[in-house]
C-alpha atoms as a PDB file:
ATOM      1  CA  MET A   1      -0.015  -0.068   0.113  1.00  0.00           C
ATOM      2  CA  LYS A   2       2.880   2.256   0.529  1.00  0.00           C
ATOM      3  CA  GLY A   3       3.494   2.633  -3.123  1.00  0.00           C
ATOM      4  CA  PHE A   4      -0.213   3.547  -3.776  1.00  0.00           C
ATOM      5  CA  TRP A   5       0.031   6.495  -1.163  1.00  0.00           C
ATOM      6  CA  ASN A   6       3.073   7.617  -2.888  1.00  0.00           C
ATOM      7  CA  SER A   7       1.334   7.716  -6.133  1.00  0.00           C
ATOM      8  CA  VAL A   8      -1.667   9.521  -4.574  1.00  0.00           C
ATOM      9  CA  ASN A   9       0.640  12.136  -2.951  1.00  0.00           C
ATOM     10  CA  GLN A  10       2.225  12.745  -6.459  1.00  0.00           C
ATOM     11  CA  ILE A  11      -1.061  13.258  -8.002  1.00  0.00           C
ATOM     12  CA  LYS A  12      -2.054  15.870  -5.232  1.00  0.00           C
ATOM     13  CA  LYS A  13       1.448  17.662  -6.010  1.00  0.00           C
ATOM     14  CA  GLY A  14       0.576  17.709  -9.658  1.00  0.00           C
ATOM     15  CA  VAL A  15       3.380  15.331 -10.642  1.00  0.00           C
ATOM     16  CA  GLU A  16       2.781  13.738 -13.981  1.00  0.00           C
ATOM     17  CA  HIS A  17       2.173   9.887 -13.937  1.00  0.00           C
ATOM     18  CA  ASP A  18       4.184   8.198 -16.865  1.00  0.00           C
ATOM     19  CA  GLY A  19       1.869   5.021 -16.825  1.00  0.00           C
ATOM     20  CA  TRP A  20       2.811   1.749 -16.143  1.00  0.00           C
ATOM     21  CA  SER A  21       6.516   2.015 -15.174  1.00  0.00           C
ATOM     22  CA  LYS A  22       5.383   3.704 -12.076  1.00  0.00           C
ATOM     23  CA  ARG A  23       3.044   0.900 -10.675  1.00  0.00           C
ATOM     24  CA  THR A  24       4.520  -1.699  -8.404  1.00  0.00           C
ATOM     25  CA  GLU A  25       3.347  -5.351  -8.366  1.00  0.00           C
ATOM     26  CA  GLU A  26       1.726  -4.349  -4.803  1.00  0.00           C
ATOM     27  CA  GLU A  27      -0.465  -1.688  -6.589  1.00  0.00           C
ATOM     28  CA  LEU A  28      -1.309  -3.788  -9.260  1.00  0.00           C
ATOM     29  CA  ARG A  29      -2.632  -6.592  -7.050  1.00  0.00           C
ATOM     30  CA  ASP A  30      -4.564  -3.991  -4.935  1.00  0.00           C
ATOM     31  CA  ALA A  31      -6.006  -2.582  -8.241  1.00  0.00           C
ATOM     32  CA  SER A  32      -6.952  -6.043  -9.380  1.00  0.00           C
ATOM     33  CA  LYS A  33      -9.284  -6.507  -6.528  1.00  0.00           C
ATOM     34  CA  HIS A  34     -11.309  -3.558  -7.794  1.00  0.00           C
ATOM     35  CA  LEU A  35     -10.964  -4.737 -11.359  1.00  0.00           C
ATOM     36  CA  PHE A  36     -12.530  -8.222 -10.236  1.00  0.00           C
ATOM     37  CA  TYR A  37     -15.082  -6.254  -8.584  1.00  0.00           C
ATOM     38  CA  GLU A  38     -15.936  -4.346 -11.671  1.00  0.00           C
ATOM     39  CA  ILE A  39     -16.394  -7.694 -13.650  1.00  0.00           C
ATOM     40  CA  GLN A  40     -18.244  -9.422 -11.030  1.00  0.00           C
ATOM     41  CA  MET A  41     -20.792  -6.624 -11.161  1.00  0.00           C
ATOM     42  CA  LEU A  42     -20.891  -6.341 -14.928  1.00  0.00           C
ATOM     43  CA  LEU A  43     -21.612 -10.016 -15.279  1.00  0.00           C
ATOM     44  CA  GLY A  44     -24.056 -10.252 -12.133  1.00  0.00           C
ATOM     45  CA  THR A  45     -26.033  -7.081 -13.153  1.00  0.00           C
ATOM     46  CA  ALA A  46     -26.472  -8.717 -16.740  1.00  0.00           C
ATOM     47  CA  LYS A  47     -27.655 -11.923 -15.295  1.00  0.00           C
ATOM     48  CA  LYS A  48     -30.158  -9.791 -13.346  1.00  0.00           C
ATOM     49  CA  LEU A  49     -31.366  -7.715 -16.195  1.00  0.00           C
ATOM     50  CA  SER A  50     -32.258 -11.131 -17.953  1.00  0.00           C
ATOM     51  CA  ILE A  51     -34.067 -12.194 -15.082  1.00  0.00           C
ATOM     52  CA  LEU A  52     -36.034  -8.757 -14.711  1.00  0.00           C
ATOM     53  CA  ARG A  53     -37.277  -8.766 -18.027  1.00  0.00           C
ATOM     54  CA  GLY A  54     -40.919  -9.205 -17.266  1.00  0.00           C
ATOM     55  CA  CYS A  55     -40.820  -7.402 -13.983  1.00  0.00           C
ATOM     56  CA  GLN A  56     -43.106  -4.594 -13.562  1.00  0.00           C
ATOM     57  CA  ASP A  57     -40.861  -2.548 -11.174  1.00  0.00           C
ATOM     58  CA  GLU A  58     -39.277   0.118 -13.175  1.00  0.00           C
ATOM     59  CA  VAL A  59     -37.370   1.531 -10.427  1.00  0.00           C
ATOM     60  CA  LEU A  60     -35.746  -1.849  -9.937  1.00  0.00           C
ATOM     61  CA  LYS A  61     -34.965  -2.522 -13.629  1.00  0.00           C
ATOM     62  CA  ASN A  62     -33.706   1.055 -14.138  1.00  0.00           C
ATOM     63  CA  ALA A  63     -31.363   0.691 -11.016  1.00  0.00           C
ATOM     64  CA  VAL A  64     -30.005  -2.542 -12.264  1.00  0.00           C
ATOM     65  CA  LEU A  65     -29.394  -1.231 -15.586  1.00  0.00           C
ATOM     66  CA  GLU A  66     -27.658   1.846 -14.515  1.00  0.00           C
ATOM     67  CA  ALA A  67     -25.398  -0.300 -12.208  1.00  0.00           C
ATOM     68  CA  PHE A  68     -24.634  -2.581 -15.239  1.00  0.00           C
ATOM     69  CA  LEU A  69     -23.937   0.526 -17.471  1.00  0.00           C
ATOM     70  CA  ILE A  70     -21.556   2.289 -14.970  1.00  0.00           C
ATOM     71  CA  HIS A  71     -19.722  -0.951 -14.765  1.00  0.00           C
ATOM     72  CA  ALA A  72     -19.663  -1.346 -18.360  1.00  0.00           C
ATOM     73  CA  ARG A  73     -18.144   1.917 -18.853  1.00  0.00           C
ATOM     74  CA  ASN A  74     -15.356   1.474 -16.134  1.00  0.00           C
ATOM     75  CA  LEU A  75     -14.336  -1.684 -17.946  1.00  0.00           C
ATOM     76  CA  ILE A  76     -14.397  -0.197 -21.422  1.00  0.00           C
ATOM     77  CA  ASP A  77     -12.139   2.575 -20.178  1.00  0.00           C
ATOM     78  CA  PHE A  78     -10.015  -0.077 -18.233  1.00  0.00           C
ATOM     79  CA  LEU A  79      -9.653  -1.844 -21.620  1.00  0.00           C
ATOM     80  CA  TYR A  80      -9.388   0.996 -24.180  1.00  0.00           C
ATOM     81  CA  THR A  81      -8.965   4.456 -22.734  1.00  0.00           C
ATOM     82  CA  LYS A  82      -5.483   5.800 -22.261  1.00  0.00           C
ATOM     83  CA  PRO A  83      -5.034   6.197 -18.377  1.00  0.00           C
ATOM     84  CA  VAL A  84      -4.971   9.763 -16.989  1.00  0.00           C
ATOM     85  CA  GLN A  85      -3.206  10.123 -13.652  1.00  0.00           C
ATOM     86  CA  ASP A  86      -4.438   7.343 -11.368  1.00  0.00           C
ATOM     87  CA  ASP A  87      -6.826   5.508 -13.673  1.00  0.00           C
ATOM     88  CA  VAL A  88      -6.227   1.686 -13.671  1.00  0.00           C
ATOM     89  CA  ALA A  89      -5.730   0.552 -17.232  1.00  0.00           C
ATOM     90  CA  ILE A  90      -4.956  -2.845 -19.036  1.00  0.00           C
ATOM     91  CA  GLU A  91      -1.409  -1.564 -20.100  1.00  0.00           C
ATOM     92  CA  ASP A  92      -0.496  -1.150 -16.404  1.00  0.00           C
ATOM     93  CA  PHE A  93      -0.810  -5.136 -16.042  1.00  0.00           C
ATOM     94  CA  LEU A  94       0.243  -6.202 -19.707  1.00  0.00           C
ATOM     95  CA  GLU A  95       3.129  -3.696 -20.605  1.00  0.00           C
ATOM     96  CA  LYS A  96       4.860  -4.331 -17.588  1.00  0.00           C
ATOM     97  CA  ALA A  97       4.754  -8.242 -18.426  1.00  0.00           C
ATOM     98  CA  GLY A  98       5.942  -7.367 -21.949  1.00  0.00           C
ATOM     99  CA  LYS A  99       2.489  -8.549 -23.214  1.00  0.00           C
ATOM    100  CA  GLY A 100      -0.787  -7.112 -24.653  1.00  0.00           C
ATOM    101  CA  GLU A 101      -1.010  -8.690 -28.094  1.00  0.00           C
ATOM    102  CA  GLY A 102      -4.310 -10.057 -29.074  1.00  0.00           C
ATOM    103  CA  ILE A 103      -6.419  -7.484 -27.257  1.00  0.00           C
ATOM    104  CA  PRO A 104      -9.241  -6.903 -29.982  1.00  0.00           C
ATOM    105  CA  ALA A 105      -9.585  -3.230 -30.961  1.00  0.00           C
ATOM    106  CA  GLN A 106     -12.368  -1.446 -29.434  1.00  0.00           C
ATOM    107  CA  SER A 107     -15.608  -1.995 -31.771  1.00  0.00           C
ATOM    108  CA  SER A 108     -17.605   0.725 -33.118  1.00  0.00           C
ATOM    109  CA  PHE A 109     -20.640  -0.746 -31.083  1.00  0.00           C
ATOM    110  CA  LEU A 110     -18.743  -0.354 -27.661  1.00  0.00           C
ATOM    111  CA  CYS A 111     -17.510   3.143 -28.897  1.00  0.00           C
ATOM    112  CA  HIS A 112     -21.139   4.225 -29.388  1.00  0.00           C
ATOM    113  CA  GLN A 113     -22.315   2.649 -26.252  1.00  0.00           C
ATOM    114  CA  THR A 114     -19.577   4.465 -24.151  1.00  0.00           C
ATOM    115  CA  LYS A 115     -20.844   7.948 -25.678  1.00  0.00           C
ATOM    116  CA  ARG A 116     -24.463   6.961 -24.878  1.00  0.00           C
ATOM    117  CA  ILE A 117     -23.489   5.891 -21.559  1.00  0.00           C
ATOM    118  CA  ASN A 118     -21.834   9.235 -20.930  1.00  0.00           C
ATOM    119  CA  LYS A 119     -24.512  11.452 -22.323  1.00  0.00           C
ATOM    120  CA  LYS A 120     -27.580   9.367 -20.979  1.00  0.00           C
ATOM    121  CA  LEU A 121     -26.395   8.100 -17.427  1.00  0.00           C
ATOM    122  CA  ALA A 122     -23.294  10.179 -16.528  1.00  0.00           C
ATOM    123  CA  HIS A 123     -24.646  13.586 -17.537  1.00  0.00           C
ATOM    124  CA  LEU A 124     -27.872  15.126 -17.777  1.00  0.00           C
ATOM    125  CA  THR A 125     -27.969  16.286 -21.517  1.00  0.00           C
ATOM    126  CA  TYR A 126     -30.368  16.817 -24.286  1.00  0.00           C
ATOM    127  CA  PHE A 127     -29.107  13.796 -26.168  1.00  0.00           C
ATOM    128  CA  ARG A 128     -31.485  11.641 -23.897  1.00  0.00           C
ATOM    129  CA  VAL A 129     -34.371  13.072 -25.414  1.00  0.00           C
ATOM    130  CA  LEU A 130     -33.152  12.203 -28.941  1.00  0.00           C
ATOM    131  CA  ASP A 131     -31.547   8.769 -28.224  1.00  0.00           C
ATOM    132  CA  GLU A 132     -33.456   5.484 -28.194  1.00  0.00           C
ATOM    133  CA  ASP A 133     -33.886   3.922 -24.871  1.00  0.00           C
ATOM    134  CA  VAL A 134     -33.148   0.389 -25.746  1.00  0.00           C
ATOM    135  CA  TRP A 135     -29.589  -1.014 -24.373  1.00  0.00           C
ATOM    136  CA  ASP A 136     -28.303  -4.220 -25.696  1.00  0.00           C
ATOM    137  CA  TYR A 137     -26.758  -5.292 -22.448  1.00  0.00           C
ATOM    138  CA  LEU A 138     -26.095  -8.767 -23.865  1.00  0.00           C
ATOM    139  CA  ARG A 139     -24.127  -7.523 -26.802  1.00  0.00           C
ATOM    140  CA  ILE A 140     -22.163  -5.052 -24.426  1.00  0.00           C
ATOM    141  CA  THR A 141     -21.096  -7.877 -22.038  1.00  0.00           C
ATOM    142  CA  GLU A 142     -20.070  -9.899 -24.988  1.00  0.00           C
ATOM    143  CA  GLU A 143     -17.936  -7.425 -26.428  1.00  0.00           C
ATOM    144  CA  ILE A 144     -16.330  -6.628 -22.860  1.00  0.00           C
ATOM    145  CA  ARG A 145     -16.024 -10.296 -22.065  1.00  0.00           C
ATOM    146  CA  GLY A 146     -13.970 -11.155 -24.959  1.00  0.00           C
ATOM    147  CA  PRO A 147     -10.968  -8.767 -24.347  1.00  0.00           C
ATOM    148  CA  LEU A 148     -11.239  -9.620 -20.548  1.00  0.00           C
ATOM    149  CA  ASN A 149     -10.426 -13.221 -21.397  1.00  0.00           C
ATOM    150  CA  VAL A 150      -7.566 -12.201 -23.324  1.00  0.00           C
ATOM    151  CA  PHE A 151      -6.507 -10.104 -20.564  1.00  0.00           C
ATOM    152  CA  LEU A 152      -6.854 -12.836 -18.212  1.00  0.00           C
ATOM    153  CA  ALA A 153      -5.278 -15.306 -20.579  1.00  0.00           C
ATOM    154  CA  GLN A 154      -1.860 -13.105 -20.705  1.00  0.00           C
ATOM    155  CA  VAL A 155      -1.747 -11.245 -17.347  1.00  0.00           C
ATOM    156  CA  PRO A 156       1.018 -12.676 -14.872  1.00  0.00           C
ATOM    157  CA  ARG A 157      -0.843 -14.238 -12.008  1.00  0.00           C
ATOM    158  CA  GLU A 158       1.534 -12.697  -9.441  1.00  0.00           C
ATOM    159  CA  LEU A 159      -0.124  -9.203 -10.422  1.00  0.00           C
ATOM    160  CA  LEU A 160      -3.485 -10.450  -9.384  1.00  0.00           C
ATOM    161  CA  ASP A 161      -5.012 -10.635  -6.059  1.00  0.00           C
ATOM    162  CA  SER A 162      -6.250 -13.893  -4.647  1.00  0.00           C
ATOM    163  CA  SER A 163      -9.801 -13.107  -5.347  1.00  0.00           C
ATOM    164  CA  TRP A 164      -8.940 -14.230  -8.921  1.00  0.00           C
ATOM    165  CA  ASN A 165      -7.655 -17.817  -7.937  1.00  0.00           C
ATOM    166  CA  GLY A 166      -9.552 -20.377 -10.014  1.00  0.00           C
ATOM    167  CA  ILE A 167     -10.598 -17.990 -12.654  1.00  0.00           C
ATOM    168  CA  SER A 168      -9.418 -19.073 -16.011  1.00  0.00           C
ATOM    169  CA  SER A 169     -12.181 -17.582 -18.109  1.00  0.00           C
ATOM    170  CA  PHE A 170     -15.208 -15.451 -17.787  1.00  0.00           C
ATOM    171  CA  GLU A 171     -17.268 -17.642 -20.230  1.00  0.00           C
ATOM    172  CA  ASP A 172     -19.115 -19.386 -17.215  1.00  0.00           C
ATOM    173  CA  CYS A 173     -19.675 -16.312 -15.211  1.00  0.00           C
END
Protein backbone atom coordinates (compact mmCIF):
# COMPACT_ATOMS: atom_id res chain seq x y z
CA MET A 1 0.00 0.00 0.00
CA LYS A 2 2.97 2.32 0.49
CA GLY A 3 3.49 2.62 -3.29
CA PHE A 4 -0.17 3.54 -3.69
CA TRP A 5 0.05 6.42 -1.22
CA ASN A 6 3.21 7.66 -2.89
CA SER A 7 1.29 7.78 -6.18
CA VAL A 8 -1.65 9.56 -4.51
CA ASN A 9 0.70 12.15 -3.03
CA GLN A 10 2.34 12.68 -6.43
CA ILE A 11 -1.07 13.25 -8.02
CA LYS A 12 -2.02 15.74 -5.30
CA LYS A 13 1.22 17.60 -5.95
CA GLY A 14 0.56 17.65 -9.68
CA VAL A 15 3.40 15.25 -10.56
CA GLU A 16 2.74 13.64 -13.93
CA HIS A 17 2.33 9.88 -13.89
CA ASP A 18 4.00 8.26 -16.88
CA GLY A 19 1.88 5.10 -16.83
CA TRP A 20 2.76 1.55 -15.98
CA SER A 21 6.43 2.08 -15.18
CA LYS A 22 5.45 3.69 -11.87
CA ARG A 23 3.14 0.88 -10.75
CA THR A 24 4.50 -1.70 -8.35
CA GLU A 25 3.33 -5.30 -8.19
CA GLU A 26 1.67 -4.48 -4.88
CA GLU A 27 -0.26 -1.58 -6.43
CA LEU A 28 -1.36 -3.80 -9.31
CA ARG A 29 -2.51 -6.56 -6.94
CA ASP A 30 -4.48 -3.99 -4.94
CA ALA A 31 -6.01 -2.54 -8.13
CA SER A 32 -6.86 -6.05 -9.36
CA LYS A 33 -9.29 -6.45 -6.44
CA HIS A 34 -11.27 -3.51 -7.77
CA LEU A 35 -11.02 -4.73 -11.34
CA PHE A 36 -12.38 -8.12 -10.24
CA TYR A 37 -15.27 -6.33 -8.50
CA GLU A 38 -16.09 -4.41 -11.70
CA ILE A 39 -16.18 -7.66 -13.68
CA GLN A 40 -18.32 -9.42 -11.08
CA MET A 41 -20.78 -6.53 -11.07
CA LEU A 42 -20.96 -6.31 -14.86
CA LEU A 43 -21.67 -10.02 -15.22
CA GLY A 44 -23.96 -10.15 -12.20
CA THR A 45 -26.09 -7.21 -13.26
CA ALA A 46 -26.32 -8.60 -16.81
CA LYS A 47 -27.80 -11.80 -15.34
CA LYS A 48 -30.19 -9.79 -13.18
CA LEU A 49 -31.35 -7.80 -16.22
CA SER A 50 -32.25 -11.06 -17.97
CA ILE A 51 -34.22 -12.19 -14.92
CA LEU A 52 -36.00 -8.80 -14.64
CA ARG A 53 -37.21 -8.70 -18.26
CA GLY A 54 -40.86 -9.20 -17.33
CA CYS A 55 -40.69 -7.30 -14.05
CA GLN A 56 -43.16 -4.42 -13.66
CA ASP A 57 -40.97 -2.56 -11.15
CA GLU A 58 -39.39 0.10 -13.40
CA VAL A 59 -37.34 1.57 -10.54
CA LEU A 60 -35.73 -1.80 -9.84
CA LYS A 61 -35.06 -2.48 -13.53
CA ASN A 62 -33.59 0.99 -14.06
CA ALA A 63 -31.40 0.72 -10.95
CA VAL A 64 -29.94 -2.59 -12.15
CA LEU A 65 -29.52 -1.24 -15.69
CA GLU A 66 -27.73 1.87 -14.42
CA ALA A 67 -25.42 -0.27 -12.26
CA PHE A 68 -24.68 -2.44 -15.31
CA LEU A 69 -23.91 0.60 -17.47
CA ILE A 70 -21.56 2.18 -14.91
CA HIS A 71 -19.57 -1.06 -14.61
CA ALA A 72 -19.57 -1.47 -18.40
CA ARG A 73 -18.19 2.06 -18.77
CA ASN A 74 -15.49 1.40 -16.16
CA LEU A 75 -14.39 -1.80 -17.92
CA ILE A 76 -14.46 -0.21 -21.38
CA ASP A 77 -12.25 2.55 -20.00
CA PHE A 78 -9.94 -0.04 -18.41
CA LEU A 79 -9.61 -1.86 -21.74
CA TYR A 80 -9.49 1.01 -24.24
CA THR A 81 -8.91 4.44 -22.72
CA LYS A 82 -5.48 5.97 -22.26
CA PRO A 83 -5.07 6.30 -18.49
CA VAL A 84 -4.99 9.72 -16.87
CA GLN A 85 -3.15 10.14 -13.55
CA ASP A 86 -4.49 7.40 -11.28
CA ASP A 87 -6.70 5.49 -13.74
CA VAL A 88 -6.21 1.73 -13.71
CA ALA A 89 -5.65 0.48 -17.26
CA ILE A 90 -4.97 -2.82 -18.97
CA GLU A 91 -1.54 -1.58 -20.01
CA ASP A 92 -0.54 -1.28 -16.35
CA PHE A 93 -0.74 -5.06 -16.13
CA LEU A 94 0.24 -6.26 -19.60
CA GLU A 95 2.98 -3.84 -20.69
CA LYS A 96 4.82 -4.43 -17.42
CA ALA A 97 4.92 -8.10 -18.41
CA GLY A 98 5.85 -7.34 -22.04
CA LYS A 99 2.48 -8.58 -23.26
CA GLY A 100 -0.68 -7.04 -24.65
CA GLU A 101 -0.97 -8.59 -28.09
CA GLY A 102 -4.31 -9.97 -29.12
CA ILE A 103 -6.58 -7.53 -27.29
CA PRO A 104 -9.17 -6.76 -29.95
CA ALA A 105 -9.61 -3.14 -30.95
CA GLN A 106 -12.63 -1.37 -29.54
CA SER A 107 -15.60 -1.97 -31.80
CA SER A 108 -17.65 0.88 -33.17
CA PHE A 109 -20.57 -0.60 -31.21
CA LEU A 110 -18.73 -0.28 -27.88
CA CYS A 111 -17.48 3.17 -28.80
CA HIS A 112 -21.06 4.27 -29.51
CA GLN A 113 -22.29 2.68 -26.26
CA THR A 114 -19.66 4.56 -24.27
CA LYS A 115 -20.85 7.84 -25.76
CA ARG A 116 -24.44 6.89 -24.97
CA ILE A 117 -23.56 6.01 -21.36
CA ASN A 118 -21.74 9.30 -20.94
CA LYS A 119 -24.60 11.32 -22.38
CA LYS A 120 -27.54 9.37 -20.94
CA LEU A 121 -26.31 8.16 -17.59
CA ALA A 122 -23.30 10.09 -16.40
CA HIS A 123 -24.59 13.51 -17.49
CA LEU A 124 -27.97 15.21 -17.77
CA THR A 125 -28.10 16.14 -21.47
CA TYR A 126 -30.54 16.86 -24.27
CA PHE A 127 -29.12 13.80 -26.01
CA ARG A 128 -31.42 11.75 -23.74
CA VAL A 129 -34.43 13.18 -25.56
CA LEU A 130 -33.09 12.25 -28.99
CA ASP A 131 -31.58 8.83 -28.30
CA GLU A 132 -33.30 5.48 -28.14
CA ASP A 133 -33.95 3.94 -24.72
CA VAL A 134 -32.96 0.39 -25.64
CA TRP A 135 -29.67 -0.99 -24.29
CA ASP A 136 -28.31 -4.21 -25.77
CA TYR A 137 -26.79 -5.31 -22.49
CA LEU A 138 -26.11 -8.85 -23.74
CA ARG A 139 -24.03 -7.58 -26.67
CA ILE A 140 -22.24 -5.05 -24.45
CA THR A 141 -21.38 -7.89 -22.05
CA GLU A 142 -20.07 -10.13 -24.82
CA GLU A 143 -17.96 -7.38 -26.40
CA ILE A 144 -16.34 -6.69 -23.02
CA ARG A 145 -16.00 -10.35 -22.03
CA GLY A 146 -13.83 -11.23 -25.06
CA PRO A 147 -11.02 -8.73 -24.32
CA LEU A 148 -11.23 -9.58 -20.61
CA ASN A 149 -10.60 -13.23 -21.45
CA VAL A 150 -7.54 -12.24 -23.50
CA PHE A 151 -6.36 -10.15 -20.56
CA LEU A 152 -6.89 -13.07 -18.20
CA ALA A 153 -4.89 -15.40 -20.46
CA GLN A 154 -1.95 -12.96 -20.63
CA VAL A 155 -1.73 -11.29 -17.24
CA PRO A 156 0.97 -12.67 -14.92
CA ARG A 157 -0.86 -14.25 -11.96
CA GLU A 158 1.48 -12.60 -9.46
CA LEU A 159 -0.07 -9.26 -10.45
CA LEU A 160 -3.54 -10.44 -9.41
CA ASP A 161 -5.06 -10.63 -5.96
CA SER A 162 -6.16 -13.97 -4.53
CA SER A 163 -9.79 -13.17 -5.48
CA TRP A 164 -8.78 -14.21 -9.03
CA ASN A 165 -7.68 -17.71 -7.93
CA GLY A 166 -9.42 -20.42 -9.90
CA ILE A 167 -10.66 -18.04 -12.63
CA SER A 168 -9.46 -19.13 -16.05
CA SER A 169 -12.23 -17.59 -18.15
CA PHE A 170 -15.24 -15.34 -17.83
CA GLU A 171 -17.29 -17.52 -20.17
CA ASP A 172 -19.12 -19.33 -17.39
CA CYS A 173 -19.63 -16.33 -15.15
